[in-house]
């Protein structure tokens, strides 16, 4: 998965994603338009993706990886 739209489609579309997230469909549509899913859906959508054998990078939720220490 490389976009918010792909994640939403993979979990069943806008209405299913909204139901899973406990929000209204426009919130999901707005997230797709921004290109960043709500961080509160990271574990919820991640579990749904895992059931389908899929993954998505945390960056799609605005989650940055830890900085590597320079030696």
PDB file of N, CA and C in Angstrom:
ATOM      1  N   UNK A   1       0.840  -1.158   0.000  1.00  0.00           N
ATOM      2  CA  UNK A   1       0.000   0.000   0.000  1.00  0.00           C
ATOM      3  C   UNK A   1       0.897   1.238   0.000  1.00  0.00           C
ATOM      4  N   UNK A   2       0.536   2.163  -0.861  1.00  0.00           N
ATOM      5  CA  UNK A   2       1.364   3.371  -0.918  1.00  0.00           C
ATOM      6  C   UNK A   2       0.547   4.650  -0.832  1.00  0.00           C
ATOM      7  N   UNK A   3      -0.761   4.532  -0.563  1.00  0.00           N
ATOM      8  CA  UNK A   3      -1.575   5.732  -0.419  1.00  0.00           C
ATOM      9  C   UNK A   3      -2.724   5.469   0.557  1.00  0.00           C
ATOM     10  N   UNK A   4      -3.251   6.563   1.090  1.00  0.00           N
ATOM     11  CA  UNK A   4      -4.397   6.462   1.989  1.00  0.00           C
ATOM     12  C   UNK A   4      -5.572   5.815   1.262  1.00  0.00           C
ATOM     13  N   UNK A   5      -5.763   6.168  -0.001  1.00  0.00           N
ATOM     14  CA  UNK A   5      -6.856   5.602  -0.803  1.00  0.00           C
ATOM     15  C   UNK A   5      -6.726   4.082  -0.893  1.00  0.00           C
ATOM     16  N   UNK A   6      -5.519   3.586  -1.122  1.00  0.00           N
ATOM     17  CA  UNK A   6      -5.320   2.140  -1.221  1.00  0.00           C
ATOM     18  C   UNK A   6      -5.657   1.440   0.088  1.00  0.00           C
ATOM     19  N   UNK A   7      -5.284   2.043   1.211  1.00  0.00           N
ATOM     20  CA  UNK A   7      -5.592   1.449   2.516  1.00  0.00           C
ATOM     21  C   UNK A   7      -7.101   1.381   2.704  1.00  0.00           C
ATOM     22  N   UNK A   8      -7.786   2.496   2.440  1.00  0.00           N
ATOM     23  CA  UNK A   8      -9.233   2.536   2.615  1.00  0.00           C
ATOM     24  C   UNK A   8      -9.913   1.515   1.701  1.00  0.00           C
ATOM     25  N   UNK A   9      -9.491   1.456   0.468  1.00  0.00           N
ATOM     26  CA  UNK A   9     -10.074   0.463  -0.449  1.00  0.00           C
ATOM     27  C   UNK A   9      -9.836  -0.956   0.055  1.00  0.00           C
ATOM     28  N   UNK A  10      -8.648  -1.210   0.586  1.00  0.00           N
ATOM     29  CA  UNK A  10      -8.296  -2.559   1.049  1.00  0.00           C
ATOM     30  C   UNK A  10      -9.116  -2.995   2.260  1.00  0.00           C
ATOM     31  N   UNK A  11      -9.509  -2.038   3.109  1.00  0.00           N
ATOM     32  CA  UNK A  11     -10.300  -2.419   4.287  1.00  0.00           C
ATOM     33  C   UNK A  11     -11.794  -2.446   3.990  1.00  0.00           C
ATOM     34  N   UNK A  12     -12.168  -2.140   2.755  1.00  0.00           N
ATOM     35  CA  UNK A  12     -13.566  -2.275   2.375  1.00  0.00           C
ATOM     36  C   UNK A  12     -14.240  -1.009   1.887  1.00  0.00           C
ATOM     37  N   UNK A  13     -13.492   0.053   1.695  1.00  0.00           N
ATOM     38  CA  UNK A  13     -14.068   1.286   1.178  1.00  0.00           C
ATOM     39  C   UNK A  13     -14.341   2.315   2.265  1.00  0.00           C
ATOM     40  N   UNK A  14     -14.788   3.467   1.832  1.00  0.00           N
ATOM     41  CA  UNK A  14     -14.976   4.605   2.729  1.00  0.00           C
ATOM     42  C   UNK A  14     -15.960   4.316   3.861  1.00  0.00           C
ATOM     43  N   UNK A  15     -17.099   3.725   3.546  1.00  0.00           N
ATOM     44  CA  UNK A  15     -18.110   3.493   4.581  1.00  0.00           C
ATOM     45  C   UNK A  15     -17.660   2.436   5.585  1.00  0.00           C
ATOM     46  N   UNK A  16     -17.024   1.387   5.112  1.00  0.00           N
ATOM     47  CA  UNK A  16     -16.512   0.345   6.020  1.00  0.00           C
ATOM     48  C   UNK A  16     -15.383   0.907   6.875  1.00  0.00           C
ATOM     49  N   UNK A  17     -14.496   1.696   6.266  1.00  0.00           N
ATOM     50  CA  UNK A  17     -13.396   2.300   7.021  1.00  0.00           C
ATOM     51  C   UNK A  17     -13.932   3.222   8.111  1.00  0.00           C
ATOM     52  N   UNK A  18     -14.964   3.999   7.775  1.00  0.00           N
ATOM     53  CA  UNK A  18     -15.564   4.890   8.770  1.00  0.00           C
ATOM     54  C   UNK A  18     -16.182   4.099   9.913  1.00  0.00           C
ATOM     55  N   UNK A  19     -16.858   3.009   9.588  1.00  0.00           N
ATOM     56  CA  UNK A  19     -17.460   2.176  10.626  1.00  0.00           C
ATOM     57  C   UNK A  19     -16.385   1.589  11.534  1.00  0.00           C
ATOM     58  N   UNK A  20     -15.303   1.121  10.947  1.00  0.00           N
ATOM     59  CA  UNK A  20     -14.204   0.570  11.745  1.00  0.00           C
ATOM     60  C   UNK A  20     -13.592   1.629  12.653  1.00  0.00           C
ATOM     61  N   UNK A  21     -13.465   2.850  12.119  1.00  0.00           N
ATOM     62  CA  UNK A  21     -12.807   3.933  12.850  1.00  0.00           C
ATOM     63  C   UNK A  21     -13.732   4.627  13.841  1.00  0.00           C
ATOM     64  N   UNK A  22     -15.033   4.365  13.728  1.00  0.00           N
ATOM     65  CA  UNK A  22     -15.976   5.021  14.623  1.00  0.00           C
ATOM     66  C   UNK A  22     -16.173   6.488  14.281  1.00  0.00           C
ATOM     67  N   UNK A  23     -16.143   6.788  12.987  1.00  0.00           N
ATOM     68  CA  UNK A  23     -16.336   8.167  12.543  1.00  0.00           C
ATOM     69  C   UNK A  23     -17.299   8.176  11.367  1.00  0.00           C
ATOM     70  N   UNK A  24     -17.530   9.336  10.810  1.00  0.00           N
ATOM     71  CA  UNK A  24     -18.425   9.452   9.656  1.00  0.00           C
ATOM     72  C   UNK A  24     -17.628   9.384   8.362  1.00  0.00           C
ATOM     73  N   UNK A  25     -18.231   8.902   7.290  1.00  0.00           N
ATOM     74  CA  UNK A  25     -17.525   8.768   6.013  1.00  0.00           C
ATOM     75  C   UNK A  25     -16.796  10.033   5.529  1.00  0.00           C
ATOM     76  N   UNK A  26     -17.357  11.245   5.735  1.00  0.00           N
ATOM     77  CA  UNK A  26     -16.607  12.419   5.281  1.00  0.00           C
ATOM     78  C   UNK A  26     -15.225  12.568   5.938  1.00  0.00           C
ATOM     79  N   UNK A  27     -15.091  12.089   7.161  1.00  0.00           N
ATOM     80  CA  UNK A  27     -13.788  12.149   7.825  1.00  0.00           C
ATOM     81  C   UNK A  27     -12.774  11.283   7.080  1.00  0.00           C
ATOM     82  N   UNK A  28     -13.211  10.142   6.597  1.00  0.00           N
ATOM     83  CA  UNK A  28     -12.334   9.261   5.829  1.00  0.00           C
ATOM     84  C   UNK A  28     -12.026   9.882   4.476  1.00  0.00           C
ATOM     85  N   UNK A  29     -13.050  10.448   3.837  1.00  0.00           N
ATOM     86  CA  UNK A  29     -12.837  11.111   2.539  1.00  0.00           C
ATOM     87  C   UNK A  29     -11.853  12.270   2.669  1.00  0.00           C
ATOM     88  N   UNK A  30     -11.977  13.034   3.745  1.00  0.00           N
ATOM     89  CA  UNK A  30     -11.045  14.142   3.977  1.00  0.00           C
ATOM     90  C   UNK A  30      -9.625  13.635   4.198  1.00  0.00           C
ATOM     91  N   UNK A  31      -9.494  12.535   4.907  1.00  0.00           N
ATOM     92  CA  UNK A  31      -8.174  11.950   5.145  1.00  0.00           C
ATOM     93  C   UNK A  31      -7.551  11.501   3.826  1.00  0.00           C
ATOM     94  N   UNK A  32      -8.347  10.917   2.963  1.00  0.00           N
ATOM     95  CA  UNK A  32      -7.846  10.488   1.652  1.00  0.00           C
ATOM     96  C   UNK A  32      -7.371  11.711   0.869  1.00  0.00           C
ATOM     97  N   UNK A  33      -8.163  12.780   0.887  1.00  0.00           N
ATOM     98  CA  UNK A  33      -7.799  14.002   0.163  1.00  0.00           C
ATOM     99  C   UNK A  33      -6.499  14.598   0.706  1.00  0.00           C
ATOM    100  N   UNK A  34      -6.292  14.521   2.025  1.00  0.00           N
ATOM    101  CA  UNK A  34      -5.054  15.020   2.644  1.00  0.00           C
ATOM    102  C   UNK A  34      -3.881  14.080   2.388  1.00  0.00           C
ATOM    103  N   UNK A  35      -4.204  12.813   2.135  1.00  0.00           N
ATOM    104  CA  UNK A  35      -3.150  11.825   1.938  1.00  0.00           C
ATOM    105  C   UNK A  35      -2.576  11.288   3.222  1.00  0.00           C
ATOM    106  N   UNK A  36      -3.277  11.529   4.325  1.00  0.00           N
ATOM    107  CA  UNK A  36      -2.792  11.073   5.637  1.00  0.00           C
ATOM    108  C   UNK A  36      -3.988  10.603   6.462  1.00  0.00           C
ATOM    109  N   UNK A  37      -3.960   9.350   6.852  1.00  0.00           N
ATOM    110  CA  UNK A  37      -5.039   8.772   7.651  1.00  0.00           C
ATOM    111  C   UNK A  37      -4.912   9.209   9.108  1.00  0.00           C
ATOM    112  N   UNK A  38      -6.028   9.258   9.847  1.00  0.00           N
ATOM    113  CA  UNK A  38      -5.957   9.609  11.264  1.00  0.00           C
ATOM    114  C   UNK A  38      -5.097   8.601  12.027  1.00  0.00           C
ATOM    115  N   UNK A  39      -4.217   9.115  12.868  1.00  0.00           N
ATOM    116  CA  UNK A  39      -3.315   8.219  13.609  1.00  0.00           C
ATOM    117  C   UNK A  39      -4.087   7.246  14.494  1.00  0.00           C
ATOM    118  N   UNK A  40      -5.284   7.629  14.905  1.00  0.00           N
ATOM    119  CA  UNK A  40      -6.094   6.742  15.754  1.00  0.00           C
ATOM    120  C   UNK A  40      -6.565   5.494  15.016  1.00  0.00           C
ATOM    121  N   UNK A  41      -6.412   5.471  13.701  1.00  0.00           N
ATOM    122  CA  UNK A  41      -6.835   4.296  12.934  1.00  0.00           C
ATOM    123  C   UNK A  41      -5.664   3.372  12.591  1.00  0.00           C
ATOM    124  N   UNK A  42      -4.478   3.725  13.027  1.00  0.00           N
ATOM    125  CA  UNK A  42      -3.295   2.937  12.663  1.00  0.00           C
ATOM    126  C   UNK A  42      -3.429   1.465  13.060  1.00  0.00           C
ATOM    127  N   UNK A  43      -3.746   1.199  14.296  1.00  0.00           N
ATOM    128  CA  UNK A  43      -3.869  -0.191  14.760  1.00  0.00           C
ATOM    129  C   UNK A  43      -5.114  -0.869  14.194  1.00  0.00           C
ATOM    130  N   UNK A  44      -6.204  -0.120  14.094  1.00  0.00           N
ATOM    131  CA  UNK A  44      -7.456  -0.683  13.577  1.00  0.00           C
ATOM    132  C   UNK A  44      -7.295  -1.118  12.123  1.00  0.00           C
ATOM    133  N   UNK A  45      -6.835  -0.194  11.289  1.00  0.00           N
ATOM    134  CA  UNK A  45      -6.665  -0.516   9.874  1.00  0.00           C
ATOM    135  C   UNK A  45      -5.517  -1.503   9.673  1.00  0.00           C
ATOM    136  N   UNK A  46      -4.489  -1.385  10.494  1.00  0.00           N
ATOM    137  CA  UNK A  46      -3.366  -2.322  10.401  1.00  0.00           C
ATOM    138  C   UNK A  46      -3.815  -3.759  10.625  1.00  0.00           C
ATOM    139  N   UNK A  47      -4.700  -3.965  11.597  1.00  0.00           N
ATOM    140  CA  UNK A  47      -5.219  -5.308  11.878  1.00  0.00           C
ATOM    141  C   UNK A  47      -6.060  -5.812  10.705  1.00  0.00           C
ATOM    142  N   UNK A  48      -6.872  -4.931  10.142  1.00  0.00           N
ATOM    143  CA  UNK A  48      -7.687  -5.317   8.984  1.00  0.00           C
ATOM    144  C   UNK A  48      -6.800  -5.680   7.791  1.00  0.00           C
ATOM    145  N   UNK A  49      -5.764  -4.897   7.560  1.00  0.00           N
ATOM    146  CA  UNK A  49      -4.839  -5.193   6.464  1.00  0.00           C
ATOM    147  C   UNK A  49      -4.139  -6.527   6.701  1.00  0.00           C
ATOM    148  N   UNK A  50      -3.703  -6.755   7.950  1.00  0.00           N
ATOM    149  CA  UNK A  50      -2.993  -7.994   8.276  1.00  0.00           C
ATOM    150  C   UNK A  50      -3.860  -9.224   8.006  1.00  0.00           C
ATOM    151  N   UNK A  51      -5.155  -9.126   8.284  1.00  0.00           N
ATOM    152  CA  UNK A  51      -6.062 -10.245   8.007  1.00  0.00           C
ATOM    153  C   UNK A  51      -6.106 -10.579   6.522  1.00  0.00           C
ATOM    154  N   UNK A  52      -5.792  -9.590   5.705  1.00  0.00           N
ATOM    155  CA  UNK A  52      -5.797  -9.777   4.257  1.00  0.00           C
ATOM    156  C   UNK A  52      -4.400 -10.011   3.695  1.00  0.00           C
ATOM    157  N   UNK A  53      -3.423 -10.127   4.597  1.00  0.00           N
ATOM    158  CA  UNK A  53      -2.048 -10.355   4.173  1.00  0.00           C
ATOM    159  C   UNK A  53      -1.395  -9.112   3.579  1.00  0.00           C
ATOM    160  N   UNK A  54      -1.870  -7.941   3.994  1.00  0.00           N
ATOM    161  CA  UNK A  54      -1.357  -6.682   3.463  1.00  0.00           C
ATOM    162  C   UNK A  54      -0.716  -5.847   4.562  1.00  0.00           C
ATOM    163  N   UNK A  55       0.120  -4.921   4.166  1.00  0.00           N
ATOM    164  CA  UNK A  55       0.716  -3.977   5.104  1.00  0.00           C
ATOM    165  C   UNK A  55       0.759  -2.601   4.446  1.00  0.00           C
ATOM    166  N   UNK A  56       0.958  -1.592   5.266  1.00  0.00           N
ATOM    167  CA  UNK A  56       1.109  -0.227   4.782  1.00  0.00           C
ATOM    168  C   UNK A  56       2.109   0.477   5.685  1.00  0.00           C
ATOM    169  N   UNK A  57       2.890   1.390   5.138  1.00  0.00           N
ATOM    170  CA  UNK A  57       3.886   2.080   5.953  1.00  0.00           C
ATOM    171  C   UNK A  57       3.237   3.039   6.952  1.00  0.00           C
ATOM    172  N   UNK A  58       3.775   3.132   8.153  1.00  0.00           N
ATOM    173  CA  UNK A  58       3.241   4.041   9.162  1.00  0.00           C
ATOM    174  C   UNK A  58       3.185   5.499   8.694  1.00  0.00           C
ATOM    175  N   UNK A  59       3.993   5.863   7.724  1.00  0.00           N
ATOM    176  CA  UNK A  59       3.987   7.237   7.222  1.00  0.00           C
ATOM    177  C   UNK A  59       2.622   7.642   6.665  1.00  0.00           C
ATOM    178  N   UNK A  60       1.805   6.676   6.229  1.00  0.00           N
ATOM    179  CA  UNK A  60       0.468   7.002   5.732  1.00  0.00           C
ATOM    180  C   UNK A  60      -0.442   7.510   6.843  1.00  0.00           C
ATOM    181  N   UNK A  61      -0.036   7.327   8.074  1.00  0.00           N
ATOM    182  CA  UNK A  61      -0.758   7.833   9.242  1.00  0.00           C
ATOM    183  C   UNK A  61      -0.019   9.010   9.879  1.00  0.00           C
ATOM    184  N   UNK A  62       1.021   9.489   9.221  1.00  0.00           N
ATOM    185  CA  UNK A  62       1.801  10.600   9.766  1.00  0.00           C
ATOM    186  C   UNK A  62       2.761  10.178  10.861  1.00  0.00           C
ATOM    187  N   UNK A  63       3.033   8.887  10.939  1.00  0.00           N
ATOM    188  CA  UNK A  63       3.937   8.361  11.963  1.00  0.00           C
ATOM    189  C   UNK A  63       5.328   8.258  11.363  1.00  0.00           C
ATOM    190  N   UNK A  64       6.254   8.970  11.989  1.00  0.00           N
ATOM    191  CA  UNK A  64       7.626   8.980  11.480  1.00  0.00           C
ATOM    192  C   UNK A  64       8.450   7.889  12.156  1.00  0.00           C
ATOM    193  N   UNK A  65       9.394   7.320  11.420  1.00  0.00           N
ATOM    194  CA  UNK A  65      10.278   6.317  12.033  1.00  0.00           C
ATOM    195  C   UNK A  65      11.244   7.004  13.000  1.00  0.00           C
ATOM    196  N   UNK A  66      11.789   6.241  13.941  1.00  0.00           N
ATOM    197  CA  UNK A  66      12.746   6.852  14.873  1.00  0.00           C
ATOM    198  C   UNK A  66      14.005   7.265  14.116  1.00  0.00           C
ATOM    199  N   UNK A  67      14.626   8.319  14.605  1.00  0.00           N
ATOM    200  CA  UNK A  67      15.875   8.762  13.997  1.00  0.00           C
ATOM    201  C   UNK A  67      16.982   7.783  14.362  1.00  0.00           C
ATOM    202  N   UNK A  68      17.825   7.566  13.394  1.00  0.00           N
ATOM    203  CA  UNK A  68      18.967   6.684  13.644  1.00  0.00           C
ATOM    204  C   UNK A  68      20.076   7.506  14.295  1.00  0.00           C
ATOM    205  N   UNK A  69      20.717   6.898  15.256  1.00  0.00           N
ATOM    206  CA  UNK A  69      21.832   7.574  15.928  1.00  0.00           C
ATOM    207  C   UNK A  69      23.055   7.535  15.029  1.00  0.00           C
ATOM    208  N   UNK A  70      23.707   8.644  14.943  1.00  0.00           N
ATOM    209  CA  UNK A  70      24.953   8.700  14.182  1.00  0.00           C
ATOM    210  C   UNK A  70      26.108   8.382  15.112  1.00  0.00           C
ATOM    211  N   UNK A  71      27.015   7.608  14.616  1.00  0.00           N
ATOM    212  CA  UNK A  71      28.187   7.240  15.425  1.00  0.00           C
ATOM    213  C   UNK A  71      29.395   7.951  14.913  1.00  0.00           C
TER     214      UNK A  71
END
